[in-house]
Amino acid sequence: MSIFYSIGLSALMAVVSVAAPAQNINVIHALTAYEASVKKMPDKQLVDIQKAIPDITLDIRYATSNNFMKRVMYPEARAFARKPVVAQLKNIQRELRTKGFGLKIYDAYRPYAITIAFYEQASDKNFVADPKKGSKHNRGCAIDLTLVNFKTKEEIPMPTPYDSFEAAAAANYPNTTAEQRKNRDFLIQTMQKHGFKVLSNEWWHFDFIGWQQYELLDIPFKAL
């Protein structure tokens, strides 16, 4: 039942319960509270991305040890996002498909407790969200992704691997190969056209415009 394998659920929730009130931010922990918010505003529903877009590719790194934390953070390799976010991803996938490309999702909705763990252990705080503010991933309004060849599912060359802390991970880093720069810029332009904004220091991270109306969540995958 734990959403974080490296420490017990009780210890994790103790951290969250202390951290959130002290930082004076609103985090929804209870499933009933989340469900009430969805009932009031259906667009707040967290949608399973692969169920909504069956031909999208998932590579949920935090469900493996192949990530900057070097250990499993998610109990399931699933990706969720708010309803309007998924609707736009569907439009993007449809457009890319006509050009021989597709999307590969690395991460989407992220429970708030995981953001705390990232911040506490990341060597470079510039690449992780501060729990005092929360992450747009916690709001279900941020997507980490790249492009793949639609038929082969092979990744299209980009300036850096996913979750790189290198300077070359910046969305406008100039010293890349022409092919990498072309692919990165094409991805950014396509995402922007459909209502997403790239994070300046991470070419793979896109925030959904309008994220401010969605609360921070700490609902485990298993409950969704």
Protein backbone atom coordinates (compact mmCIF):
# COMPACT_ATOMS: atom_id res chain seq x y z
CA MET A 1 0.00 0.00 0.00
CA SER A 2 3.01 2.30 0.29
CA ILE A 3 3.62 4.78 -2.54
CA PHE A 4 7.24 5.08 -1.61
CA TYR A 5 9.28 1.96 -1.02
CA SER A 6 12.35 3.37 0.68
CA ILE A 7 10.60 4.56 3.86
CA GLY A 8 7.46 3.33 5.52
CA LEU A 9 4.10 4.89 4.76
CA SER A 10 3.62 6.08 8.34
CA ALA A 11 6.98 7.83 8.35
CA LEU A 12 6.30 9.37 4.96
CA MET A 13 2.93 10.72 5.99
CA ALA A 14 4.45 12.11 9.16
CA VAL A 15 6.84 14.12 7.03
CA VAL A 16 4.02 15.35 4.82
CA SER A 17 1.68 16.25 7.68
CA VAL A 18 4.38 18.31 9.33
CA ALA A 19 5.70 19.90 6.16
CA ALA A 20 2.49 21.01 4.51
CA PRO A 21 0.87 23.01 7.36
CA ALA A 22 4.21 24.62 8.27
CA GLN A 23 4.59 25.80 4.70
CA ASN A 24 0.99 27.07 4.62
CA ILE A 25 0.09 25.39 1.35
CA ASN A 26 -3.02 23.41 0.54
CA VAL A 27 -2.39 19.77 -0.32
CA ILE A 28 -5.28 17.36 -0.83
CA HIS A 29 -4.40 14.07 0.89
CA ALA A 30 -7.85 12.49 1.24
CA LEU A 31 -9.42 10.65 -1.67
CA THR A 32 -12.84 11.90 -0.60
CA ALA A 33 -11.67 15.52 -0.84
CA TYR A 34 -10.24 14.90 -4.30
CA GLU A 35 -13.48 13.24 -5.41
CA ALA A 36 -15.48 16.17 -4.07
CA SER A 37 -13.35 18.59 -6.09
CA VAL A 38 -13.95 16.52 -9.24
CA LYS A 39 -17.68 16.46 -8.61
CA LYS A 40 -17.67 20.23 -8.37
CA MET A 41 -15.39 20.66 -11.40
CA PRO A 42 -15.14 17.57 -13.69
CA ASP A 43 -12.03 18.92 -15.41
CA LYS A 44 -10.12 18.19 -12.19
CA GLN A 45 -10.35 14.45 -12.78
CA LEU A 46 -7.02 12.65 -13.04
CA VAL A 47 -7.18 10.54 -16.20
CA ASP A 48 -5.05 7.49 -16.97
CA ILE A 49 -3.12 8.73 -20.01
CA GLN A 50 -2.53 5.36 -21.67
CA LYS A 51 -6.17 4.36 -21.35
CA ALA A 52 -7.17 7.61 -23.02
CA ILE A 53 -4.41 7.41 -25.68
CA PRO A 54 -3.67 3.69 -26.27
CA ASP A 55 -0.90 4.25 -28.82
CA ILE A 56 1.14 6.56 -26.58
CA THR A 57 4.41 5.15 -25.20
CA LEU A 58 5.15 5.03 -21.47
CA ASP A 59 8.60 4.88 -19.88
CA ILE A 60 7.76 5.73 -16.27
CA ARG A 61 11.27 6.05 -14.89
CA TYR A 62 10.26 6.47 -11.26
CA ALA A 63 8.64 3.05 -11.32
CA THR A 64 12.16 1.71 -11.93
CA SER A 65 15.62 2.39 -10.54
CA ASN A 66 16.62 4.08 -13.82
CA ASN A 67 16.24 7.63 -12.49
CA PHE A 68 18.29 10.26 -10.67
CA MET A 69 17.18 8.85 -7.29
CA LYS A 70 18.56 5.42 -8.33
CA ARG A 71 15.62 3.57 -6.79
CA VAL A 72 11.94 2.80 -7.30
CA MET A 73 9.69 5.68 -6.30
CA TYR A 74 6.33 4.64 -7.80
CA PRO A 75 4.63 1.30 -7.13
CA GLU A 76 3.10 1.23 -10.62
CA ALA A 77 4.25 2.29 -14.08
CA ARG A 78 1.23 4.49 -14.76
CA ALA A 79 0.75 8.10 -15.86
CA PHE A 80 -2.12 10.39 -14.90
CA ALA A 81 -2.97 14.00 -15.70
CA ARG A 82 -5.97 16.29 -15.35
CA LYS A 83 -8.70 15.84 -17.93
CA PRO A 84 -7.93 18.92 -20.11
CA VAL A 85 -4.23 18.05 -20.10
CA VAL A 86 -4.94 14.58 -21.46
CA ALA A 87 -7.31 16.02 -24.06
CA GLN A 88 -4.48 18.17 -25.42
CA LEU A 89 -2.00 15.29 -25.31
CA LYS A 90 -4.47 13.34 -27.43
CA ASN A 91 -4.51 16.18 -29.97
CA ILE A 92 -0.72 16.32 -29.97
CA GLN A 93 -0.39 12.58 -30.48
CA ARG A 94 -2.85 12.75 -33.36
CA GLU A 95 -0.85 15.52 -35.03
CA LEU A 96 2.51 13.82 -34.48
CA ARG A 97 1.21 10.53 -35.84
CA THR A 98 0.68 12.14 -39.27
CA LYS A 99 4.37 13.08 -39.28
CA GLY A 100 5.66 9.69 -38.21
CA PHE A 101 6.22 10.60 -34.57
CA GLY A 102 4.64 9.88 -31.23
CA LEU A 103 4.98 10.86 -27.60
CA LYS A 104 6.82 8.96 -24.90
CA ILE A 105 5.81 9.86 -21.33
CA TYR A 106 8.42 9.71 -18.59
CA ASP A 107 6.34 11.21 -15.79
CA ALA A 108 3.07 13.01 -15.24
CA TYR A 109 1.04 13.38 -12.01
CA ARG A 110 3.33 12.95 -9.01
CA PRO A 111 2.05 12.57 -5.43
CA TYR A 112 3.25 15.40 -3.18
CA ALA A 113 5.10 13.03 -0.84
CA ILE A 114 7.41 12.09 -3.69
CA THR A 115 8.24 15.75 -4.29
CA ILE A 116 9.38 16.01 -0.68
CA ALA A 117 11.63 12.98 -1.11
CA PHE A 118 13.12 14.37 -4.33
CA TYR A 119 13.91 17.74 -2.76
CA GLU A 120 15.51 16.26 0.33
CA GLN A 121 17.89 14.05 -1.63
CA ALA A 122 18.59 15.83 -4.92
CA SER A 123 22.15 17.08 -5.28
CA ASP A 124 21.04 20.02 -7.45
CA LYS A 125 17.93 21.77 -6.11
CA ASN A 126 17.53 23.70 -9.38
CA PHE A 127 16.20 20.53 -11.01
CA VAL A 128 13.58 19.63 -8.40
CA ALA A 129 10.50 21.45 -7.09
CA ASP A 130 10.58 23.08 -3.65
CA PRO A 131 7.90 21.46 -1.44
CA LYS A 132 7.18 24.92 -0.01
CA LYS A 133 5.52 25.69 -3.34
CA GLY A 134 4.78 22.21 -4.60
CA SER A 135 5.25 20.97 -8.14
CA LYS A 136 3.00 21.34 -11.13
CA HIS A 137 3.42 17.58 -11.34
CA ASN A 138 1.58 17.44 -7.99
CA ARG A 139 -1.26 19.37 -9.62
CA GLY A 140 -1.54 16.87 -12.47
CA CYS A 141 -0.57 19.66 -14.88
CA ALA A 142 3.03 18.85 -15.83
CA ILE A 143 4.29 16.22 -18.24
CA ASP A 144 7.83 14.96 -18.81
CA LEU A 145 8.12 13.54 -22.30
CA THR A 146 10.02 13.16 -25.55
CA LEU A 147 9.46 12.14 -29.16
CA VAL A 148 9.68 8.65 -30.60
CA ASN A 149 9.45 7.15 -34.04
CA PHE A 150 5.81 6.11 -34.14
CA LYS A 151 6.46 2.75 -35.79
CA THR A 152 9.63 1.62 -34.02
CA LYS A 153 9.07 3.48 -30.73
CA GLU A 154 12.75 4.45 -30.74
CA GLU A 155 13.54 7.80 -29.15
CA ILE A 156 14.35 10.71 -31.44
CA PRO A 157 17.79 12.27 -30.67
CA MET A 158 17.63 15.10 -28.12
CA PRO A 159 20.40 17.23 -26.51
CA THR A 160 20.50 15.17 -23.29
CA PRO A 161 18.90 12.11 -21.75
CA TYR A 162 15.84 12.56 -19.55
CA ASP A 163 16.47 13.99 -16.06
CA SER A 164 19.94 15.19 -16.94
CA PHE A 165 21.42 17.87 -14.67
CA GLU A 166 23.68 19.10 -17.48
CA ALA A 167 23.57 22.66 -18.80
CA ALA A 168 22.63 21.16 -22.18
CA ALA A 169 19.24 20.20 -20.72
CA ALA A 170 18.14 23.83 -21.01
CA ALA A 171 15.36 24.42 -23.52
CA ASN A 172 17.42 26.99 -25.45
CA TYR A 173 20.92 25.56 -25.02
CA PRO A 174 22.76 26.40 -28.28
CA ASN A 175 25.71 24.00 -28.35
CA THR A 176 23.98 20.90 -29.62
CA THR A 177 24.03 19.09 -32.93
CA ALA A 178 21.76 20.50 -35.60
CA GLU A 179 19.62 17.36 -35.46
CA GLN A 180 19.22 17.50 -31.69
CA ARG A 181 18.34 21.19 -31.78
CA LYS A 182 15.84 20.66 -34.60
CA ASN A 183 14.12 17.81 -32.72
CA ARG A 184 14.03 19.68 -29.41
CA ASP A 185 12.63 22.83 -31.00
CA PHE A 186 10.04 20.86 -32.95
CA LEU A 187 8.85 19.21 -29.74
CA ILE A 188 8.69 22.54 -27.89
CA GLN A 189 6.82 24.27 -30.72
CA THR A 190 4.32 21.43 -31.00
CA MET A 191 3.64 21.41 -27.26
CA GLN A 192 3.31 25.20 -27.13
CA LYS A 193 0.77 25.14 -29.93
CA HIS A 194 -1.44 22.96 -27.74
CA GLY A 195 -1.28 24.93 -24.52
CA PHE A 196 1.95 23.84 -22.82
CA LYS A 197 5.00 25.84 -21.76
CA VAL A 198 8.45 24.28 -21.59
CA LEU A 199 10.49 24.61 -18.38
CA SER A 200 13.56 26.72 -19.13
CA ASN A 201 16.14 24.29 -17.72
CA GLU A 202 14.45 21.03 -18.80
CA TRP A 203 13.63 20.50 -22.47
CA TRP A 204 11.42 17.50 -21.57
CA HIS A 205 9.24 19.23 -18.94
CA PHE A 206 6.02 20.94 -20.02
CA ASP A 207 3.54 22.80 -17.83
CA PHE A 208 -0.10 23.08 -18.84
CA ILE A 209 -1.25 26.68 -19.14
CA GLY A 210 -3.93 27.24 -16.50
CA TRP A 211 -2.33 24.99 -13.88
CA GLN A 212 -3.12 27.56 -11.17
CA GLN A 213 -6.73 26.39 -10.87
CA TYR A 214 -5.72 22.86 -9.85
CA GLU A 215 -4.80 21.92 -6.28
CA LEU A 216 -1.70 20.07 -5.13
CA LEU A 217 -2.51 16.39 -4.61
CA ASP A 218 -1.06 13.56 -2.59
CA ILE A 219 -3.36 10.78 -3.82
CA PRO A 220 -1.54 7.45 -4.42
CA PHE A 221 -1.79 5.78 -7.81
CA LYS A 222 -3.55 2.79 -6.32
CA ALA A 223 -6.52 4.96 -5.35
CA LEU A 224 -7.06 6.36 -8.84
